[in-house]
PDB file of all heavy atoms in Angstrom:
ATOM      1  N   ASP A   1     -12.405 -12.180 -47.785  1.00  0.00           N
ATOM      2  CA  ASP A   1     -12.745 -11.118 -48.736  1.00  0.00           C
ATOM      3  C   ASP A   1     -12.764 -11.645 -50.099  1.00  0.00           C
ATOM      4  O   ASP A   1     -12.260 -12.767 -50.354  1.00  0.00           O
ATOM      5  CB  ASP A   1     -11.704  -9.971 -48.545  1.00  0.00           C
ATOM      6  CG  ASP A   1     -12.305  -8.622 -49.049  1.00  0.00           C
ATOM      7  OD1 ASP A   1     -13.440  -8.577 -49.537  1.00  0.00           O
ATOM      8  OD2 ASP A   1     -11.535  -7.608 -48.948  1.00  0.00           O
ATOM      9  N   ALA A   2     -13.292 -10.860 -51.031  1.00  0.00           N
ATOM     10  CA  ALA A   2     -13.281 -11.203 -52.437  1.00  0.00           C
ATOM     11  C   ALA A   2     -12.983  -9.913 -53.266  1.00  0.00           C
ATOM     12  O   ALA A   2     -13.272  -8.830 -52.813  1.00  0.00           O
ATOM     13  CB  ALA A   2     -14.677 -11.727 -52.895  1.00  0.00           C
ATOM     14  N   ILE A   3     -12.306 -10.111 -54.415  1.00  0.00           N
ATOM     15  CA  ILE A   3     -12.054  -9.003 -55.272  1.00  0.00           C
ATOM     16  C   ILE A   3     -12.585  -9.346 -56.640  1.00  0.00           C
ATOM     17  O   ILE A   3     -12.262 -10.417 -57.196  1.00  0.00           O
ATOM     18  CB  ILE A   3     -10.478  -8.761 -55.469  1.00  0.00           C
ATOM     19  CG1 ILE A   3      -9.840  -8.533 -54.083  1.00  0.00           C
ATOM     20  CG2 ILE A   3     -10.206  -7.605 -56.365  1.00  0.00           C
ATOM     21  CD1 ILE A   3      -8.374  -8.510 -54.108  1.00  0.00           C
ATOM     22  N   LEU A   4     -13.362  -8.451 -57.208  1.00  0.00           N
ATOM     23  CA  LEU A   4     -14.010  -8.713 -58.560  1.00  0.00           C
ATOM     24  C   LEU A   4     -13.019  -8.264 -59.658  1.00  0.00           C
ATOM     25  O   LEU A   4     -12.459  -7.146 -59.538  1.00  0.00           O
ATOM     26  CB  LEU A   4     -15.285  -7.955 -58.675  1.00  0.00           C
ATOM     27  CG  LEU A   4     -16.421  -8.441 -57.802  1.00  0.00           C
ATOM     28  CD1 LEU A   4     -17.636  -7.460 -57.955  1.00  0.00           C
ATOM     29  CD2 LEU A   4     -16.872  -9.830 -58.235  1.00  0.00           C
ATOM     30  N   TYR A   5     -12.922  -9.061 -60.696  1.00  0.00           N
ATOM     31  CA  TYR A   5     -12.190  -8.674 -61.928  1.00  0.00           C
ATOM     32  C   TYR A   5     -13.218  -8.785 -63.078  1.00  0.00           C
ATOM     33  O   TYR A   5     -14.234  -9.366 -62.969  1.00  0.00           O
ATOM     34  CB  TYR A   5     -11.045  -9.720 -62.205  1.00  0.00           C
ATOM     35  CG  TYR A   5      -9.845  -9.426 -61.406  1.00  0.00           C
ATOM     36  CD1 TYR A   5      -9.757  -9.697 -60.032  1.00  0.00           C
ATOM     37  CD2 TYR A   5      -8.703  -8.874 -61.961  1.00  0.00           C
ATOM     38  CE1 TYR A   5      -8.597  -9.422 -59.327  1.00  0.00           C
ATOM     39  CE2 TYR A   5      -7.494  -8.663 -61.326  1.00  0.00           C
ATOM     40  CZ  TYR A   5      -7.460  -8.932 -59.922  1.00  0.00           C
ATOM     41  OH  TYR A   5      -6.356  -8.649 -59.267  1.00  0.00           O
ATOM     42  N   ALA A   6     -12.866  -8.101 -64.166  1.00  0.00           N
ATOM     43  CA  ALA A   6     -13.780  -8.087 -65.300  1.00  0.00           C
ATOM     44  C   ALA A   6     -13.876  -9.515 -65.888  1.00  0.00           C
ATOM     45  O   ALA A   6     -14.944  -9.891 -66.470  1.00  0.00           O
ATOM     46  CB  ALA A   6     -13.223  -7.188 -66.369  1.00  0.00           C
ATOM     47  N   SER A   7     -12.864 -10.334 -65.868  1.00  0.00           N
ATOM     48  CA  SER A   7     -12.937 -11.691 -66.327  1.00  0.00           C
ATOM     49  C   SER A   7     -11.991 -12.541 -65.500  1.00  0.00           C
ATOM     50  O   SER A   7     -10.992 -12.059 -64.874  1.00  0.00           O
ATOM     51  CB  SER A   7     -12.520 -11.769 -67.765  1.00  0.00           C
ATOM     52  OG  SER A   7     -11.084 -11.725 -67.948  1.00  0.00           O
ATOM     53  N   CYS A   8     -12.239 -13.819 -65.489  1.00  0.00           N
ATOM     54  CA  CYS A   8     -11.371 -14.755 -64.729  1.00  0.00           C
ATOM     55  C   CYS A   8      -9.937 -14.901 -65.396  1.00  0.00           C
ATOM     56  O   CYS A   8      -8.957 -15.066 -64.747  1.00  0.00           O
ATOM     57  CB  CYS A   8     -12.026 -16.120 -64.610  1.00  0.00           C
ATOM     58  SG  CYS A   8     -11.223 -17.151 -63.325  1.00  0.00           S
ATOM     59  N   PHE A   9      -9.951 -14.707 -66.726  1.00  0.00           N
ATOM     60  CA  PHE A   9      -8.719 -14.722 -67.458  1.00  0.00           C
ATOM     61  C   PHE A   9      -7.808 -13.544 -66.888  1.00  0.00           C
ATOM     62  O   PHE A   9      -6.618 -13.697 -66.630  1.00  0.00           O
ATOM     63  CB  PHE A   9      -8.925 -14.548 -68.985  1.00  0.00           C
ATOM     64  CG  PHE A   9      -7.935 -15.321 -69.805  1.00  0.00           C
ATOM     65  CD1 PHE A   9      -8.375 -16.444 -70.473  1.00  0.00           C
ATOM     66  CD2 PHE A   9      -6.656 -15.030 -69.851  1.00  0.00           C
ATOM     67  CE1 PHE A   9      -7.498 -17.168 -71.278  1.00  0.00           C
ATOM     68  CE2 PHE A   9      -5.712 -15.740 -70.615  1.00  0.00           C
ATOM     69  CZ  PHE A   9      -6.164 -16.833 -71.296  1.00  0.00           C
ATOM     70  N   ASP A  10      -8.481 -12.387 -66.690  1.00  0.00           N
ATOM     71  CA  ASP A  10      -7.674 -11.240 -66.130  1.00  0.00           C
ATOM     72  C   ASP A  10      -7.243 -11.504 -64.691  1.00  0.00           C
ATOM     73  O   ASP A  10      -6.152 -11.134 -64.277  1.00  0.00           O
ATOM     74  CB  ASP A  10      -8.620  -9.956 -66.145  1.00  0.00           C
ATOM     75  CG  ASP A  10      -8.899  -9.405 -67.485  1.00  0.00           C
ATOM     76  OD1 ASP A  10      -7.999  -9.725 -68.389  1.00  0.00           O
ATOM     77  OD2 ASP A  10      -9.859  -8.748 -67.667  1.00  0.00           O
ATOM     78  N   ALA A  11      -8.060 -12.165 -63.896  1.00  0.00           N
ATOM     79  CA  ALA A  11      -7.755 -12.479 -62.531  1.00  0.00           C
ATOM     80  C   ALA A  11      -6.529 -13.413 -62.486  1.00  0.00           C
ATOM     81  O   ALA A  11      -5.590 -13.210 -61.671  1.00  0.00           O
ATOM     82  CB  ALA A  11      -8.925 -13.146 -61.813  1.00  0.00           C
ATOM     83  N   ASN A  12      -6.561 -14.460 -63.312  1.00  0.00           N
ATOM     84  CA  ASN A  12      -5.422 -15.368 -63.357  1.00  0.00           C
ATOM     85  C   ASN A  12      -4.199 -14.715 -63.923  1.00  0.00           C
ATOM     86  O   ASN A  12      -3.058 -15.086 -63.615  1.00  0.00           O
ATOM     87  CB  ASN A  12      -5.788 -16.625 -64.193  1.00  0.00           C
ATOM     88  CG  ASN A  12      -6.561 -17.661 -63.405  1.00  0.00           C
ATOM     89  OD1 ASN A  12      -6.591 -17.591 -62.158  1.00  0.00           O
ATOM     90  ND2 ASN A  12      -7.359 -18.507 -64.042  1.00  0.00           N
ATOM     91  N   ALA A  13      -4.370 -13.815 -64.786  1.00  0.00           N
ATOM     92  CA  ALA A  13      -3.162 -13.082 -65.390  1.00  0.00           C
ATOM     93  C   ALA A  13      -2.524 -12.184 -64.354  1.00  0.00           C
ATOM     94  O   ALA A  13      -1.275 -11.968 -64.473  1.00  0.00           O
ATOM     95  CB  ALA A  13      -3.638 -12.213 -66.588  1.00  0.00           C
ATOM     96  N   GLY A  14      -3.265 -11.750 -63.359  1.00  0.00           N
ATOM     97  CA  GLY A  14      -2.719 -10.846 -62.397  1.00  0.00           C
ATOM     98  C   GLY A  14      -2.254 -11.377 -61.064  1.00  0.00           C
ATOM     99  O   GLY A  14      -1.344 -10.772 -60.423  1.00  0.00           O
ATOM    100  N   ILE A  15      -2.826 -12.457 -60.628  1.00  0.00           N
ATOM    101  CA  ILE A  15      -2.582 -12.870 -59.261  1.00  0.00           C
ATOM    102  C   ILE A  15      -1.185 -13.352 -58.968  1.00  0.00           C
ATOM    103  O   ILE A  15      -0.572 -13.060 -57.942  1.00  0.00           O
ATOM    104  CB  ILE A  15      -3.644 -13.993 -58.827  1.00  0.00           C
ATOM    105  CG1 ILE A  15      -3.447 -14.382 -57.381  1.00  0.00           C
ATOM    106  CG2 ILE A  15      -3.517 -15.287 -59.770  1.00  0.00           C
ATOM    107  CD1 ILE A  15      -4.464 -15.352 -56.802  1.00  0.00           C
ATOM    108  N   PHE A  16      -0.586 -14.094 -59.903  1.00  0.00           N
ATOM    109  CA  PHE A  16       0.713 -14.675 -59.684  1.00  0.00           C
ATOM    110  C   PHE A  16       1.824 -13.554 -59.624  1.00  0.00           C
ATOM    111  O   PHE A  16       2.691 -13.605 -58.795  1.00  0.00           O
ATOM    112  CB  PHE A  16       1.062 -15.707 -60.706  1.00  0.00           C
ATOM    113  CG  PHE A  16       0.091 -16.850 -60.757  1.00  0.00           C
ATOM    114  CD1 PHE A  16      -0.951 -16.950 -61.727  1.00  0.00           C
ATOM    115  CD2 PHE A  16       0.100 -17.848 -59.744  1.00  0.00           C
ATOM    116  CE1 PHE A  16      -1.843 -17.965 -61.728  1.00  0.00           C
ATOM    117  CE2 PHE A  16      -0.855 -18.910 -59.737  1.00  0.00           C
ATOM    118  CZ  PHE A  16      -1.801 -18.962 -60.772  1.00  0.00           C
ATOM    119  N   GLU A  17       1.673 -12.613 -60.564  1.00  0.00           N
ATOM    120  CA  GLU A  17       2.667 -11.513 -60.554  1.00  0.00           C
ATOM    121  C   GLU A  17       2.540 -10.655 -59.271  1.00  0.00           C
ATOM    122  O   GLU A  17       3.555 -10.159 -58.824  1.00  0.00           O
ATOM    123  CB  GLU A  17       2.464 -10.650 -61.831  1.00  0.00           C
ATOM    124  CG  GLU A  17       3.437  -9.579 -61.999  1.00  0.00           C
ATOM    125  CD  GLU A  17       3.328  -8.825 -63.325  1.00  0.00           C
ATOM    126  OE1 GLU A  17       2.231  -8.891 -63.913  1.00  0.00           O
ATOM    127  OE2 GLU A  17       4.280  -8.179 -63.709  1.00  0.00           O
ATOM    128  N   ALA A  18       1.296 -10.518 -58.798  1.00  0.00           N
ATOM    129  CA  ALA A  18       1.078  -9.675 -57.612  1.00  0.00           C
ATOM    130  C   ALA A  18       1.619 -10.412 -56.329  1.00  0.00           C
ATOM    131  O   ALA A  18       2.097  -9.746 -55.402  1.00  0.00           O
ATOM    132  CB  ALA A  18      -0.412  -9.349 -57.419  1.00  0.00           C
ATOM    133  N   LEU A  19       1.513 -11.740 -56.272  1.00  0.00           N
ATOM    134  CA  LEU A  19       1.789 -12.466 -55.051  1.00  0.00           C
ATOM    135  C   LEU A  19       3.334 -12.907 -55.036  1.00  0.00           C
ATOM    136  O   LEU A  19       3.895 -12.987 -53.977  1.00  0.00           O
ATOM    137  CB  LEU A  19       0.940 -13.683 -54.977  1.00  0.00           C
ATOM    138  CG  LEU A  19      -0.520 -13.495 -54.529  1.00  0.00           C
ATOM    139  CD1 LEU A  19      -1.212 -14.854 -54.493  1.00  0.00           C
ATOM    140  CD2 LEU A  19      -0.609 -12.781 -53.217  1.00  0.00           C
ATOM    141  N   LEU A  20       3.886 -13.245 -56.153  1.00  0.00           N
ATOM    142  CA  LEU A  20       5.156 -13.986 -56.149  1.00  0.00           C
ATOM    143  C   LEU A  20       6.265 -13.088 -56.719  1.00  0.00           C
ATOM    144  O   LEU A  20       6.154 -12.304 -57.679  1.00  0.00           O
ATOM    145  CB  LEU A  20       5.025 -15.205 -57.028  1.00  0.00           C
ATOM    146  CG  LEU A  20       3.923 -16.205 -56.609  1.00  0.00           C
ATOM    147  CD1 LEU A  20       3.800 -17.336 -57.638  1.00  0.00           C
ATOM    148  CD2 LEU A  20       4.152 -16.757 -55.181  1.00  0.00           C
ATOM    149  N   THR A  21       7.463 -13.284 -56.129  1.00  0.00           N
ATOM    150  CA  THR A  21       8.699 -12.554 -56.490  1.00  0.00           C
ATOM    151  C   THR A  21       9.660 -13.567 -57.132  1.00  0.00           C
ATOM    152  O   THR A  21       9.447 -14.763 -57.072  1.00  0.00           O
ATOM    153  CB  THR A  21       9.333 -11.859 -55.270  1.00  0.00           C
ATOM    154  OG1 THR A  21       9.963 -12.902 -54.432  1.00  0.00           O
ATOM    155  CG2 THR A  21       8.254 -11.117 -54.443  1.00  0.00           C
ATOM    156  N   PRO A  22      10.821 -13.061 -57.588  1.00  0.00           N
ATOM    157  CA  PRO A  22      11.828 -13.980 -58.098  1.00  0.00           C
ATOM    158  C   PRO A  22      12.403 -14.901 -56.974  1.00  0.00           C
ATOM    159  O   PRO A  22      13.053 -15.877 -57.290  1.00  0.00           O
ATOM    160  CB  PRO A  22      12.952 -13.069 -58.587  1.00  0.00           C
ATOM    161  CG  PRO A  22      12.230 -11.829 -58.939  1.00  0.00           C
ATOM    162  CD  PRO A  22      11.108 -11.678 -57.948  1.00  0.00           C
ATOM    163  N   GLU A  23      12.140 -14.624 -55.668  1.00  0.00           N
ATOM    164  CA  GLU A  23      12.578 -15.490 -54.600  1.00  0.00           C
ATOM    165  C   GLU A  23      11.613 -16.674 -54.414  1.00  0.00           C
ATOM    166  O   GLU A  23      11.941 -17.520 -53.606  1.00  0.00           O
ATOM    167  CB  GLU A  23      12.714 -14.680 -53.316  1.00  0.00           C
ATOM    168  CG  GLU A  23      13.691 -13.496 -53.434  1.00  0.00           C
ATOM    169  CD  GLU A  23      13.782 -12.718 -52.128  1.00  0.00           C
ATOM    170  OE1 GLU A  23      13.367 -13.243 -51.128  1.00  0.00           O
ATOM    171  OE2 GLU A  23      14.191 -11.541 -52.174  1.00  0.00           O
ATOM    172  N   ASP A  24      10.429 -16.628 -55.030  1.00  0.00           N
ATOM    173  CA  ASP A  24       9.391 -17.572 -54.702  1.00  0.00           C
ATOM    174  C   ASP A  24       9.301 -18.621 -55.801  1.00  0.00           C
ATOM    175  O   ASP A  24      10.017 -18.657 -56.839  1.00  0.00           O
ATOM    176  CB  ASP A  24       8.043 -16.866 -54.596  1.00  0.00           C
ATOM    177  CG  ASP A  24       8.061 -15.745 -53.545  1.00  0.00           C
ATOM    178  OD1 ASP A  24       8.714 -16.016 -52.498  1.00  0.00           O
ATOM    179  OD2 ASP A  24       7.588 -14.665 -53.787  1.00  0.00           O
ATOM    180  N   ALA A  25       8.376 -19.657 -55.619  1.00  0.00           N
ATOM    181  CA  ALA A  25       8.201 -20.701 -56.559  1.00  0.00           C
ATOM    182  C   ALA A  25       6.699 -20.955 -56.734  1.00  0.00           C
ATOM    183  O   ALA A  25       5.941 -20.876 -55.726  1.00  0.00           O
ATOM    184  CB  ALA A  25       8.901 -21.980 -56.115  1.00  0.00           C
ATOM    185  N   VAL A  26       6.314 -21.324 -57.983  1.00  0.00           N
ATOM    186  CA  VAL A  26       4.915 -21.703 -58.233  1.00  0.00           C
ATOM    187  C   VAL A  26       4.958 -23.078 -58.858  1.00  0.00           C
ATOM    188  O   VAL A  26       5.804 -23.315 -59.782  1.00  0.00           O
ATOM    189  CB  VAL A  26       4.197 -20.698 -59.146  1.00  0.00           C
ATOM    190  CG1 VAL A  26       4.920 -20.490 -60.441  1.00  0.00           C
ATOM    191  CG2 VAL A  26       2.759 -21.146 -59.398  1.00  0.00           C
ATOM    192  N   LEU A  27       4.126 -24.037 -58.372  1.00  0.00           N
ATOM    193  CA  LEU A  27       4.070 -25.397 -58.843  1.00  0.00           C
ATOM    194  C   LEU A  27       2.724 -25.605 -59.469  1.00  0.00           C
ATOM    195  O   LEU A  27       1.660 -25.528 -58.772  1.00  0.00           O
ATOM    196  CB  LEU A  27       4.347 -26.415 -57.679  1.00  0.00           C
ATOM    197  CG  LEU A  27       5.665 -26.121 -56.930  1.00  0.00           C
ATOM    198  CD1 LEU A  27       5.483 -25.294 -55.728  1.00  0.00           C
ATOM    199  CD2 LEU A  27       6.289 -27.493 -56.523  1.00  0.00           C
ATOM    200  N   SER A  28       2.620 -25.814 -60.746  1.00  0.00           N
ATOM    201  CA  SER A  28       1.422 -25.910 -61.554  1.00  0.00           C
ATOM    202  C   SER A  28       1.192 -27.279 -62.185  1.00  0.00           C
ATOM    203  O   SER A  28       2.111 -27.937 -62.738  1.00  0.00           O
ATOM    204  CB  SER A  28       1.552 -24.828 -62.672  1.00  0.00           C
ATOM    205  OG  SER A  28       0.425 -24.871 -63.487  1.00  0.00           O
ATOM    206  N   ASP A  29      -0.078 -27.747 -62.055  1.00  0.00           N
ATOM    207  CA  ASP A  29      -0.494 -29.005 -62.795  1.00  0.00           C
ATOM    208  C   ASP A  29      -0.338 -28.791 -64.229  1.00  0.00           C
ATOM    209  O   ASP A  29      -0.704 -27.700 -64.795  1.00  0.00           O
ATOM    210  CB  ASP A  29      -1.889 -29.320 -62.389  1.00  0.00           C
ATOM    211  CG  ASP A  29      -2.377 -30.677 -62.866  1.00  0.00           C
ATOM    212  OD1 ASP A  29      -2.444 -30.800 -64.159  1.00  0.00           O
ATOM    213  OD2 ASP A  29      -2.639 -31.542 -62.101  1.00  0.00           O
ATOM    214  N   GLU A  30       0.208 -29.719 -64.946  1.00  0.00           N
ATOM    215  CA  GLU A  30       0.521 -29.583 -66.347  1.00  0.00           C
ATOM    216  C   GLU A  30      -0.787 -29.404 -67.255  1.00  0.00           C
ATOM    217  O   GLU A  30      -0.684 -28.930 -68.345  1.00  0.00           O
ATOM    218  CB  GLU A  30       1.255 -30.803 -66.878  1.00  0.00           C
ATOM    219  CG  GLU A  30       0.486 -32.167 -66.856  1.00  0.00           C
ATOM    220  CD  GLU A  30       1.291 -33.304 -67.385  1.00  0.00           C
ATOM    221  OE1 GLU A  30       2.438 -33.076 -67.830  1.00  0.00           O
ATOM    222  OE2 GLU A  30       0.844 -34.449 -67.236  1.00  0.00           O
ATOM    223  N   LEU A  31      -1.912 -29.737 -66.712  1.00  0.00           N
ATOM    224  CA  LEU A  31      -3.143 -29.580 -67.450  1.00  0.00           C
ATOM    225  C   LEU A  31      -4.024 -28.388 -66.958  1.00  0.00           C
ATOM    226  O   LEU A  31      -5.200 -28.303 -67.282  1.00  0.00           O
ATOM    227  CB  LEU A  31      -3.983 -30.848 -67.467  1.00  0.00           C
ATOM    228  CG  LEU A  31      -3.394 -32.073 -68.231  1.00  0.00           C
ATOM    229  CD1 LEU A  31      -4.404 -33.188 -68.303  1.00  0.00           C
ATOM    230  CD2 LEU A  31      -2.925 -31.629 -69.612  1.00  0.00           C
ATOM    231  N   ASN A  32      -3.407 -27.491 -66.273  1.00  0.00           N
ATOM    232  CA  ASN A  32      -4.119 -26.325 -65.741  1.00  0.00           C
ATOM    233  C   ASN A  32      -4.635 -25.480 -66.966  1.00  0.00           C
ATOM    234  O   ASN A  32      -4.061 -25.510 -68.076  1.00  0.00           O
ATOM    235  CB  ASN A  32      -3.227 -25.391 -64.914  1.00  0.00           C
ATOM    236  CG  ASN A  32      -3.204 -25.857 -63.468  1.00  0.00           C
ATOM    237  OD1 ASN A  32      -4.116 -26.600 -63.032  1.00  0.00           O
ATOM    238  ND2 ASN A  32      -2.201 -25.476 -62.699  1.00  0.00           N
ATOM    239  N   HIS A  33      -5.618 -24.681 -66.692  1.00  0.00           N
ATOM    240  CA  HIS A  33      -6.311 -23.841 -67.712  1.00  0.00           C
ATOM    241  C   HIS A  33      -5.265 -22.898 -68.293  1.00  0.00           C
ATOM    242  O   HIS A  33      -4.347 -22.489 -67.622  1.00  0.00           O
ATOM    243  CB  HIS A  33      -7.472 -23.124 -67.139  1.00  0.00           C
ATOM    244  CG  HIS A  33      -8.310 -22.400 -68.184  1.00  0.00           C
ATOM    245  ND1 HIS A  33      -8.081 -21.056 -68.481  1.00  0.00           N
ATOM    246  CD2 HIS A  33      -9.379 -22.823 -68.876  1.00  0.00           C
ATOM    247  CE1 HIS A  33      -8.919 -20.685 -69.451  1.00  0.00           C
ATOM    248  NE2 HIS A  33      -9.716 -21.752 -69.679  1.00  0.00           N
ATOM    249  N   ALA A  34      -5.448 -22.553 -69.542  1.00  0.00           N
ATOM    250  CA  ALA A  34      -4.537 -21.692 -70.313  1.00  0.00           C
ATOM    251  C   ALA A  34      -4.298 -20.354 -69.586  1.00  0.00           C
ATOM    252  O   ALA A  34      -3.273 -19.717 -69.552  1.00  0.00           O
ATOM    253  CB  ALA A  34      -5.005 -21.444 -71.705  1.00  0.00           C
ATOM    254  N   SER A  35      -5.304 -19.830 -68.923  1.00  0.00           N
ATOM    255  CA  SER A  35      -5.233 -18.554 -68.235  1.00  0.00           C
ATOM    256  C   SER A  35      -4.251 -18.646 -66.976  1.00  0.00           C
ATOM    257  O   SER A  35      -3.558 -17.672 -66.679  1.00  0.00           O
ATOM    258  CB  SER A  35      -6.558 -18.044 -67.786  1.00  0.00           C
ATOM    259  OG  SER A  35      -7.169 -18.934 -66.837  1.00  0.00           O
ATOM    260  N   ILE A  36      -4.234 -19.777 -66.350  1.00  0.00           N
ATOM    261  CA  ILE A  36      -3.327 -20.025 -65.228  1.00  0.00           C
ATOM    262  C   ILE A  36      -1.851 -20.071 -65.816  1.00  0.00           C
ATOM    263  O   ILE A  36      -1.001 -19.449 -65.248  1.00  0.00           O
ATOM    264  CB  ILE A  36      -3.616 -21.321 -64.491  1.00  0.00           C
ATOM    265  CG1 ILE A  36      -5.002 -21.218 -63.834  1.00  0.00           C
ATOM    266  CG2 ILE A  36      -2.566 -21.622 -63.412  1.00  0.00           C
ATOM    267  CD1 ILE A  36      -5.451 -22.474 -63.154  1.00  0.00           C
ATOM    268  N   ILE A  37      -1.749 -20.796 -66.926  1.00  0.00           N
ATOM    269  CA  ILE A  37      -0.393 -20.922 -67.527  1.00  0.00           C
ATOM    270  C   ILE A  37       0.129 -19.580 -67.910  1.00  0.00           C
ATOM    271  O   ILE A  37       1.269 -19.258 -67.693  1.00  0.00           O
ATOM    272  CB  ILE A  37      -0.466 -21.880 -68.687  1.00  0.00           C
ATOM    273  CG1 ILE A  37      -0.820 -23.337 -68.225  1.00  0.00           C
ATOM    274  CG2 ILE A  37       0.780 -21.909 -69.530  1.00  0.00           C
ATOM    275  CD1 ILE A  37      -1.211 -24.330 -69.301  1.00  0.00           C
ATOM    276  N   ASP A  38      -0.763 -18.759 -68.531  1.00  0.00           N
ATOM    277  CA  ASP A  38      -0.322 -17.411 -68.989  1.00  0.00           C
ATOM    278  C   ASP A  38      -0.018 -16.575 -67.750  1.00  0.00           C
ATOM    279  O   ASP A  38       0.993 -15.862 -67.823  1.00  0.00           O
ATOM    280  CB  ASP A  38      -1.453 -16.749 -69.796  1.00  0.00           C
ATOM    281  CG  ASP A  38      -1.557 -17.264 -71.222  1.00  0.00           C
ATOM    282  OD1 ASP A  38      -0.699 -18.066 -71.615  1.00  0.00           O
ATOM    283  OD2 ASP A  38      -2.517 -16.839 -71.911  1.00  0.00           O
ATOM    284  N   GLY A  39      -0.772 -16.649 -66.714  1.00  0.00           N
ATOM    285  CA  GLY A  39      -0.495 -15.857 -65.570  1.00  0.00           C
ATOM    286  C   GLY A  39       0.821 -16.248 -64.896  1.00  0.00           C
ATOM    287  O   GLY A  39       1.615 -15.363 -64.461  1.00  0.00           O
TER     288      GLY A  39
END
């Protein structure tokens, strides 16, 4: 499936909060796009 967002910045801002809880972990490449870092 796919979900449309108004912008990819919005999509990256929302996905991590929706998927992950304080019990989880996210591992991010240090040069990821600013929108991923913000999310």
